[in-house]
Amino acid sequence: MRATVLVRPKPGILDPQGEAVESSLRQLGFAVDEARVGKVVDLELGDGDPEQAKADLERMCQQLLANPLIESYEITVTPR
């Protein structure tokens, strides 16, 4: 199965990359109200129990992939 984890700064957390992207897009003439920059982590997992995979992914996010204090994350699991 395949998993995708989307990690973003939580609302209200300083996002210098997002501010730079927002400013650059405005200078290029695009009407942008806000930009937030995050990261996407794609993982290939073995064929196992999807519920166990989701639990493992939660632990991965809490321990390594995201900083739960300042980042939020979304997990999507899809079969191959």
PDB file of N, CA and C in Angstrom:
ATOM      1  N   MET A   1       0.841  -1.176   0.000  1.00  0.00           N
ATOM      2  CA  MET A   1       0.000   0.000   0.000  1.00  0.00           C
ATOM      3  C   MET A   1       0.881   1.231   0.000  1.00  0.00           C
ATOM      4  N   ARG A   2       0.296   2.322  -0.407  1.00  0.00           N
ATOM      5  CA  ARG A   2       1.024   3.585  -0.510  1.00  0.00           C
ATOM      6  C   ARG A   2       0.441   4.562   0.503  1.00  0.00           C
ATOM      7  N   ALA A   3       1.329   5.332   1.117  1.00  0.00           N
ATOM      8  CA  ALA A   3       0.889   6.344   2.078  1.00  0.00           C
ATOM      9  C   ALA A   3       1.476   7.687   1.688  1.00  0.00           C
ATOM     10  N   THR A   4       0.685   8.719   1.864  1.00  0.00           N
ATOM     11  CA  THR A   4       1.143  10.084   1.670  1.00  0.00           C
ATOM     12  C   THR A   4       0.880  10.857   2.942  1.00  0.00           C
ATOM     13  N   VAL A   5       1.902  11.548   3.420  1.00  0.00           N
ATOM     14  CA  VAL A   5       1.778  12.387   4.609  1.00  0.00           C
ATOM     15  C   VAL A   5       2.031  13.825   4.182  1.00  0.00           C
ATOM     16  N   LEU A   6       1.067  14.694   4.439  1.00  0.00           N
ATOM     17  CA  LEU A   6       1.181  16.115   4.137  1.00  0.00           C
ATOM     18  C   LEU A   6       1.399  16.855   5.454  1.00  0.00           C
ATOM     19  N   VAL A   7       2.529  17.542   5.563  1.00  0.00           N
ATOM     20  CA  VAL A   7       2.892  18.253   6.794  1.00  0.00           C
ATOM     21  C   VAL A   7       2.910  19.748   6.491  1.00  0.00           C
ATOM     22  N   ARG A   8       2.220  20.523   7.331  1.00  0.00           N
ATOM     23  CA  ARG A   8       2.146  21.979   7.153  1.00  0.00           C
ATOM     24  C   ARG A   8       2.343  22.675   8.494  1.00  0.00           C
ATOM     25  N   PRO A   9       2.830  23.920   8.457  1.00  0.00           N
ATOM     26  CA  PRO A   9       2.864  24.688   9.708  1.00  0.00           C
ATOM     27  C   PRO A   9       1.434  24.923  10.203  1.00  0.00           C
ATOM     28  N   LYS A  10       1.255  24.860  11.507  1.00  0.00           N
ATOM     29  CA  LYS A  10      -0.064  25.144  12.078  1.00  0.00           C
ATOM     30  C   LYS A  10      -0.403  26.618  11.867  1.00  0.00           C
ATOM     31  N   PRO A  11      -1.701  26.945  11.808  1.00  0.00           N
ATOM     32  CA  PRO A  11      -2.091  28.356  11.687  1.00  0.00           C
ATOM     33  C   PRO A  11      -1.493  29.163  12.838  1.00  0.00           C
ATOM     34  N   GLY A  12      -1.023  30.343  12.522  1.00  0.00           N
ATOM     35  CA  GLY A  12      -0.446  31.215  13.537  1.00  0.00           C
ATOM     36  C   GLY A  12       1.043  30.997  13.762  1.00  0.00           C
ATOM     37  N   ILE A  13       1.606  29.939  13.195  1.00  0.00           N
ATOM     38  CA  ILE A  13       3.038  29.666  13.330  1.00  0.00           C
ATOM     39  C   ILE A  13       3.770  30.389  12.204  1.00  0.00           C
ATOM     40  N   LEU A  14       4.867  31.055  12.530  1.00  0.00           N
ATOM     41  CA  LEU A  14       5.662  31.766  11.546  1.00  0.00           C
ATOM     42  C   LEU A  14       6.109  30.820  10.440  1.00  0.00           C
ATOM     43  N   ASP A  15       5.915  31.239   9.187  1.00  0.00           N
ATOM     44  CA  ASP A  15       6.272  30.436   8.026  1.00  0.00           C
ATOM     45  C   ASP A  15       7.083  31.306   7.064  1.00  0.00           C
ATOM     46  N   PRO A  16       8.406  31.456   7.303  1.00  0.00           N
ATOM     47  CA  PRO A  16       9.209  32.329   6.455  1.00  0.00           C
ATOM     48  C   PRO A  16       9.214  31.911   4.984  1.00  0.00           C
ATOM     49  N   GLN A  17       9.228  30.610   4.712  1.00  0.00           N
ATOM     50  CA  GLN A  17       9.184  30.154   3.317  1.00  0.00           C
ATOM     51  C   GLN A  17       7.876  30.556   2.665  1.00  0.00           C
ATOM     52  N   GLY A  18       6.787  30.368   3.373  1.00  0.00           N
ATOM     53  CA  GLY A  18       5.480  30.750   2.852  1.00  0.00           C
ATOM     54  C   GLY A  18       5.402  32.244   2.581  1.00  0.00           C
ATOM     55  N   GLU A  19       5.968  33.046   3.487  1.00  0.00           N
ATOM     56  CA  GLU A  19       5.963  34.492   3.293  1.00  0.00           C
ATOM     57  C   GLU A  19       6.793  34.887   2.073  1.00  0.00           C
ATOM     58  N   ALA A  20       7.927  34.217   1.855  1.00  0.00           N
ATOM     59  CA  ALA A  20       8.762  34.513   0.695  1.00  0.00           C
ATOM     60  C   ALA A  20       8.039  34.150  -0.602  1.00  0.00           C
ATOM     61  N   VAL A  21       7.362  32.997  -0.610  1.00  0.00           N
ATOM     62  CA  VAL A  21       6.604  32.583  -1.794  1.00  0.00           C
ATOM     63  C   VAL A  21       5.462  33.562  -2.055  1.00  0.00           C
ATOM     64  N   GLU A  22       4.752  33.918  -0.993  1.00  0.00           N
ATOM     65  CA  GLU A  22       3.636  34.864  -1.133  1.00  0.00           C
ATOM     66  C   GLU A  22       4.115  36.196  -1.705  1.00  0.00           C
ATOM     67  N   SER A  23       5.191  36.728  -1.164  1.00  0.00           N
ATOM     68  CA  SER A  23       5.737  37.997  -1.629  1.00  0.00           C
ATOM     69  C   SER A  23       6.179  37.911  -3.090  1.00  0.00           C
ATOM     70  N   SER A  24       6.857  36.840  -3.442  1.00  0.00           N
ATOM     71  CA  SER A  24       7.332  36.672  -4.820  1.00  0.00           C
ATOM     72  C   SER A  24       6.174  36.553  -5.799  1.00  0.00           C
ATOM     73  N   LEU A  25       5.150  35.805  -5.426  1.00  0.00           N
ATOM     74  CA  LEU A  25       3.989  35.664  -6.308  1.00  0.00           C
ATOM     75  C   LEU A  25       3.297  37.012  -6.513  1.00  0.00           C
ATOM     76  N   ARG A  26       3.197  37.806  -5.450  1.00  0.00           N
ATOM     77  CA  ARG A  26       2.583  39.138  -5.580  1.00  0.00           C
ATOM     78  C   ARG A  26       3.413  40.027  -6.503  1.00  0.00           C
ATOM     79  N   GLN A  27       4.746  39.954  -6.366  1.00  0.00           N
ATOM     80  CA  GLN A  27       5.620  40.762  -7.226  1.00  0.00           C
ATOM     81  C   GLN A  27       5.484  40.355  -8.690  1.00  0.00           C
ATOM     82  N   LEU A  28       5.137  39.099  -8.921  1.00  0.00           N
ATOM     83  CA  LEU A  28       4.926  38.621 -10.290  1.00  0.00           C
ATOM     84  C   LEU A  28       3.531  38.958 -10.815  1.00  0.00           C
ATOM     85  N   GLY A  29       2.718  39.581  -9.963  1.00  0.00           N
ATOM     86  CA  GLY A  29       1.403  40.029 -10.405  1.00  0.00           C
ATOM     87  C   GLY A  29       0.259  39.085 -10.076  1.00  0.00           C
ATOM     88  N   PHE A  30       0.513  38.070  -9.274  1.00  0.00           N
ATOM     89  CA  PHE A  30      -0.550  37.133  -8.906  1.00  0.00           C
ATOM     90  C   PHE A  30      -1.260  37.616  -7.644  1.00  0.00           C
ATOM     91  N   ALA A  31      -2.578  37.487  -7.634  1.00  0.00           N
ATOM     92  CA  ALA A  31      -3.372  37.871  -6.473  1.00  0.00           C
ATOM     93  C   ALA A  31      -3.382  36.705  -5.489  1.00  0.00           C
ATOM     94  N   VAL A  32      -2.554  36.806  -4.476  1.00  0.00           N
ATOM     95  CA  VAL A  32      -2.425  35.734  -3.479  1.00  0.00           C
ATOM     96  C   VAL A  32      -2.695  36.330  -2.106  1.00  0.00           C
ATOM     97  N   ASP A  33      -3.632  35.740  -1.371  1.00  0.00           N
ATOM     98  CA  ASP A  33      -3.925  36.216  -0.022  1.00  0.00           C
ATOM     99  C   ASP A  33      -2.952  35.647   1.004  1.00  0.00           C
ATOM    100  N   GLU A  34      -2.585  34.387   0.826  1.00  0.00           N
ATOM    101  CA  GLU A  34      -1.675  33.748   1.787  1.00  0.00           C
ATOM    102  C   GLU A  34      -1.036  32.530   1.128  1.00  0.00           C
ATOM    103  N   ALA A  35       0.195  32.253   1.500  1.00  0.00           N
ATOM    104  CA  ALA A  35       0.883  31.043   1.037  1.00  0.00           C
ATOM    105  C   ALA A  35       1.510  30.365   2.249  1.00  0.00           C
ATOM    106  N   ARG A  36       1.353  29.069   2.320  1.00  0.00           N
ATOM    107  CA  ARG A  36       1.973  28.261   3.377  1.00  0.00           C
ATOM    108  C   ARG A  36       2.766  27.171   2.673  1.00  0.00           C
ATOM    109  N   VAL A  37       3.978  26.949   3.119  1.00  0.00           N
ATOM    110  CA  VAL A  37       4.837  25.937   2.509  1.00  0.00           C
ATOM    111  C   VAL A  37       4.971  24.776   3.478  1.00  0.00           C
ATOM    112  N   GLY A  38       4.718  23.586   2.972  1.00  0.00           N
ATOM    113  CA  GLY A  38       4.830  22.380   3.787  1.00  0.00           C
ATOM    114  C   GLY A  38       5.678  21.354   3.073  1.00  0.00           C
ATOM    115  N   LYS A  39       5.483  20.117   3.431  1.00  0.00           N
ATOM    116  CA  LYS A  39       6.223  19.039   2.776  1.00  0.00           C
ATOM    117  C   LYS A  39       5.312  17.839   2.595  1.00  0.00           C
ATOM    118  N   VAL A  40       5.633  17.045   1.567  1.00  0.00           N
ATOM    119  CA  VAL A  40       4.904  15.818   1.282  1.00  0.00           C
ATOM    120  C   VAL A  40       5.882  14.663   1.418  1.00  0.00           C
ATOM    121  N   VAL A  41       5.475  13.638   2.154  1.00  0.00           N
ATOM    122  CA  VAL A  41       6.291  12.437   2.313  1.00  0.00           C
ATOM    123  C   VAL A  41       5.488  11.275   1.733  1.00  0.00           C
ATOM    124  N   ASP A  42       6.010  10.651   0.677  1.00  0.00           N
ATOM    125  CA  ASP A  42       5.379   9.482   0.070  1.00  0.00           C
ATOM    126  C   ASP A  42       6.099   8.235   0.558  1.00  0.00           C
ATOM    127  N   LEU A  43       5.338   7.269   1.014  1.00  0.00           N
ATOM    128  CA  LEU A  43       5.902   6.026   1.546  1.00  0.00           C
ATOM    129  C   LEU A  43       5.255   4.827   0.877  1.00  0.00           C
ATOM    130  N   GLU A  44       6.053   3.837   0.562  1.00  0.00           N
ATOM    131  CA  GLU A  44       5.553   2.547   0.093  1.00  0.00           C
ATOM    132  C   GLU A  44       5.601   1.600   1.284  1.00  0.00           C
ATOM    133  N   LEU A  45       4.458   1.020   1.608  1.00  0.00           N
ATOM    134  CA  LEU A  45       4.354   0.109   2.741  1.00  0.00           C
ATOM    135  C   LEU A  45       4.016  -1.289   2.242  1.00  0.00           C
ATOM    136  N   GLY A  46       4.349  -2.276   3.020  1.00  0.00           N
ATOM    137  CA  GLY A  46       4.008  -3.644   2.651  1.00  0.00           C
ATOM    138  C   GLY A  46       2.504  -3.853   2.646  1.00  0.00           C
ATOM    139  N   ASP A  47       2.080  -4.961   2.053  1.00  0.00           N
ATOM    140  CA  ASP A  47       0.660  -5.292   2.044  1.00  0.00           C
ATOM    141  C   ASP A  47       0.287  -5.860   3.402  1.00  0.00           C
ATOM    142  N   GLY A  48      -0.290  -5.037   4.222  1.00  0.00           N
ATOM    143  CA  GLY A  48      -0.680  -5.461   5.559  1.00  0.00           C
ATOM    144  C   GLY A  48      -2.027  -4.885   5.915  1.00  0.00           C
ATOM    145  N   ASP A  49      -2.292  -4.828   7.192  1.00  0.00           N
ATOM    146  CA  ASP A  49      -3.548  -4.289   7.713  1.00  0.00           C
ATOM    147  C   ASP A  49      -3.551  -2.763   7.594  1.00  0.00           C
ATOM    148  N   PRO A  50      -4.496  -2.185   6.854  1.00  0.00           N
ATOM    149  CA  PRO A  50      -4.540  -0.727   6.695  1.00  0.00           C
ATOM    150  C   PRO A  50      -4.686   0.026   8.020  1.00  0.00           C
ATOM    151  N   GLU A  51      -5.430  -0.538   8.948  1.00  0.00           N
ATOM    152  CA  GLU A  51      -5.595   0.123  10.254  1.00  0.00           C
ATOM    153  C   GLU A  51      -4.272   0.148  11.018  1.00  0.00           C
ATOM    154  N   GLN A  52      -3.519  -0.944  10.963  1.00  0.00           N
ATOM    155  CA  GLN A  52      -2.214  -0.982  11.615  1.00  0.00           C
ATOM    156  C   GLN A  52      -1.250  -0.015  10.921  1.00  0.00           C
ATOM    157  N   ALA A  53      -1.326   0.042   9.596  1.00  0.00           N
ATOM    158  CA  ALA A  53      -0.481   0.965   8.835  1.00  0.00           C
ATOM    159  C   ALA A  53      -0.759   2.404   9.252  1.00  0.00           C
ATOM    160  N   LYS A  54      -2.038   2.747   9.396  1.00  0.00           N
ATOM    161  CA  LYS A  54      -2.395   4.109   9.799  1.00  0.00           C
ATOM    162  C   LYS A  54      -1.885   4.412  11.208  1.00  0.00           C
ATOM    163  N   ALA A  55      -1.966   3.440  12.110  1.00  0.00           N
ATOM    164  CA  ALA A  55      -1.441   3.623  13.470  1.00  0.00           C
ATOM    165  C   ALA A  55       0.075   3.816  13.428  1.00  0.00           C
ATOM    166  N   ASP A  56       0.756   3.029  12.604  1.00  0.00           N
ATOM    167  CA  ASP A  56       2.205   3.172  12.469  1.00  0.00           C
ATOM    168  C   ASP A  56       2.560   4.537  11.886  1.00  0.00           C
ATOM    169  N   LEU A  57       1.791   4.996  10.907  1.00  0.00           N
ATOM    170  CA  LEU A  57       2.036   6.300  10.302  1.00  0.00           C
ATOM    171  C   LEU A  57       1.836   7.433  11.306  1.00  0.00           C
ATOM    172  N   GLU A  58       0.840   7.302  12.165  1.00  0.00           N
ATOM    173  CA  GLU A  58       0.636   8.297  13.231  1.00  0.00           C
ATOM    174  C   GLU A  58       1.883   8.387  14.109  1.00  0.00           C
ATOM    175  N   ARG A  59       2.416   7.221  14.482  1.00  0.00           N
ATOM    176  CA  ARG A  59       3.634   7.204  15.307  1.00  0.00           C
ATOM    177  C   ARG A  59       4.818   7.797  14.557  1.00  0.00           C
ATOM    178  N   MET A  60       4.932   7.500  13.245  1.00  0.00           N
ATOM    179  CA  MET A  60       6.013   8.071  12.435  1.00  0.00           C
ATOM    180  C   MET A  60       5.941   9.597  12.440  1.00  0.00           C
ATOM    181  N   CYS A  61       4.730  10.123  12.300  1.00  0.00           N
ATOM    182  CA  CYS A  61       4.551  11.572  12.278  1.00  0.00           C
ATOM    183  C   CYS A  61       4.916  12.192  13.618  1.00  0.00           C
ATOM    184  N   GLN A  62       4.472  11.566  14.685  1.00  0.00           N
ATOM    185  CA  GLN A  62       4.738  12.112  16.015  1.00  0.00           C
ATOM    186  C   GLN A  62       6.203  12.024  16.397  1.00  0.00           C
ATOM    187  N   GLN A  63       6.910  11.006  15.896  1.00  0.00           N
ATOM    188  CA  GLN A  63       8.294  10.802  16.298  1.00  0.00           C
ATOM    189  C   GLN A  63       9.315  11.398  15.338  1.00  0.00           C
ATOM    190  N   LEU A  64       8.962  11.552  14.038  1.00  0.00           N
ATOM    191  CA  LEU A  64       9.973  11.988  13.086  1.00  0.00           C
ATOM    192  C   LEU A  64       9.470  12.929  11.998  1.00  0.00           C
ATOM    193  N   LEU A  65       8.382  12.604  11.352  1.00  0.00           N
ATOM    194  CA  LEU A  65       7.990  13.310  10.141  1.00  0.00           C
ATOM    195  C   LEU A  65       7.444  14.711  10.392  1.00  0.00           C
ATOM    196  N   ALA A  66       6.897  14.967  11.562  1.00  0.00           N
ATOM    197  CA  ALA A  66       6.320  16.278  11.871  1.00  0.00           C
ATOM    198  C   ALA A  66       6.688  16.667  13.297  1.00  0.00           C
ATOM    199  N   ASN A  67       6.693  17.961  13.528  1.00  0.00           N
ATOM    200  CA  ASN A  67       6.844  18.471  14.886  1.00  0.00           C
ATOM    201  C   ASN A  67       5.445  18.840  15.363  1.00  0.00           C
ATOM    202  N   PRO A  68       4.813  17.980  16.165  1.00  0.00           N
ATOM    203  CA  PRO A  68       3.411  18.202  16.543  1.00  0.00           C
ATOM    204  C   PRO A  68       3.145  19.526  17.257  1.00  0.00           C
ATOM    205  N   LEU A  69       4.176  20.161  17.797  1.00  0.00           N
ATOM    206  CA  LEU A  69       3.975  21.442  18.469  1.00  0.00           C
ATOM    207  C   LEU A  69       3.683  22.564  17.479  1.00  0.00           C
ATOM    208  N   ILE A  70       4.299  22.513  16.299  1.00  0.00           N
ATOM    209  CA  ILE A  70       4.161  23.620  15.353  1.00  0.00           C
ATOM    210  C   ILE A  70       3.639  23.194  13.984  1.00  0.00           C
ATOM    211  N   GLU A  71       3.470  21.879  13.764  1.00  0.00           N
ATOM    212  CA  GLU A  71       3.013  21.406  12.464  1.00  0.00           C
ATOM    213  C   GLU A  71       1.798  20.495  12.609  1.00  0.00           C
ATOM    214  N   SER A  72       0.937  20.564  11.615  1.00  0.00           N
ATOM    215  CA  SER A  72      -0.168  19.616  11.523  1.00  0.00           C
ATOM    216  C   SER A  72       0.144  18.666  10.373  1.00  0.00           C
ATOM    217  N   TYR A  73      -0.527  17.528  10.351  1.00  0.00           N
ATOM    218  CA  TYR A  73      -0.281  16.569   9.275  1.00  0.00           C
ATOM    219  C   TYR A  73      -1.552  15.837   8.914  1.00  0.00           C
ATOM    220  N   GLU A  74      -1.601  15.415   7.648  1.00  0.00           N
ATOM    221  CA  GLU A  74      -2.713  14.619   7.137  1.00  0.00           C
ATOM    222  C   GLU A  74      -2.134  13.355   6.532  1.00  0.00           C
ATOM    223  N   ILE A  75      -2.763  12.223   6.820  1.00  0.00           N
ATOM    224  CA  ILE A  75      -2.294  10.933   6.334  1.00  0.00           C
ATOM    225  C   ILE A  75      -3.337  10.357   5.373  1.00  0.00           C
ATOM    226  N   THR A  76      -2.859   9.912   4.212  1.00  0.00           N
ATOM    227  CA  THR A  76      -3.715   9.228   3.250  1.00  0.00           C
ATOM    228  C   THR A  76      -3.085   7.883   2.933  1.00  0.00           C
ATOM    229  N   VAL A  77      -3.858   6.794   3.077  1.00  0.00           N
ATOM    230  CA  VAL A  77      -3.386   5.450   2.764  1.00  0.00           C
ATOM    231  C   VAL A  77      -4.227   4.913   1.623  1.00  0.00           C
ATOM    232  N   THR A  78      -3.562   4.434   0.559  1.00  0.00           N
ATOM    233  CA  THR A  78      -4.272   3.870  -0.579  1.00  0.00           C
ATOM    234  C   THR A  78      -3.649   2.527  -0.951  1.00  0.00           C
ATOM    235  N   PRO A  79      -4.468   1.577  -1.373  1.00  0.00           N
ATOM    236  CA  PRO A  79      -3.928   0.302  -1.824  1.00  0.00           C
ATOM    237  C   PRO A  79      -3.182   0.498  -3.142  1.00  0.00           C
ATOM    238  N   ARG A  80      -2.292  -0.423  -3.447  1.00  0.00           N
ATOM    239  CA  ARG A  80      -1.531  -0.326  -4.715  1.00  0.00           C
ATOM    240  C   ARG A  80      -2.399  -0.653  -5.896  1.00  0.00           C
TER     241      ARG A  80
END
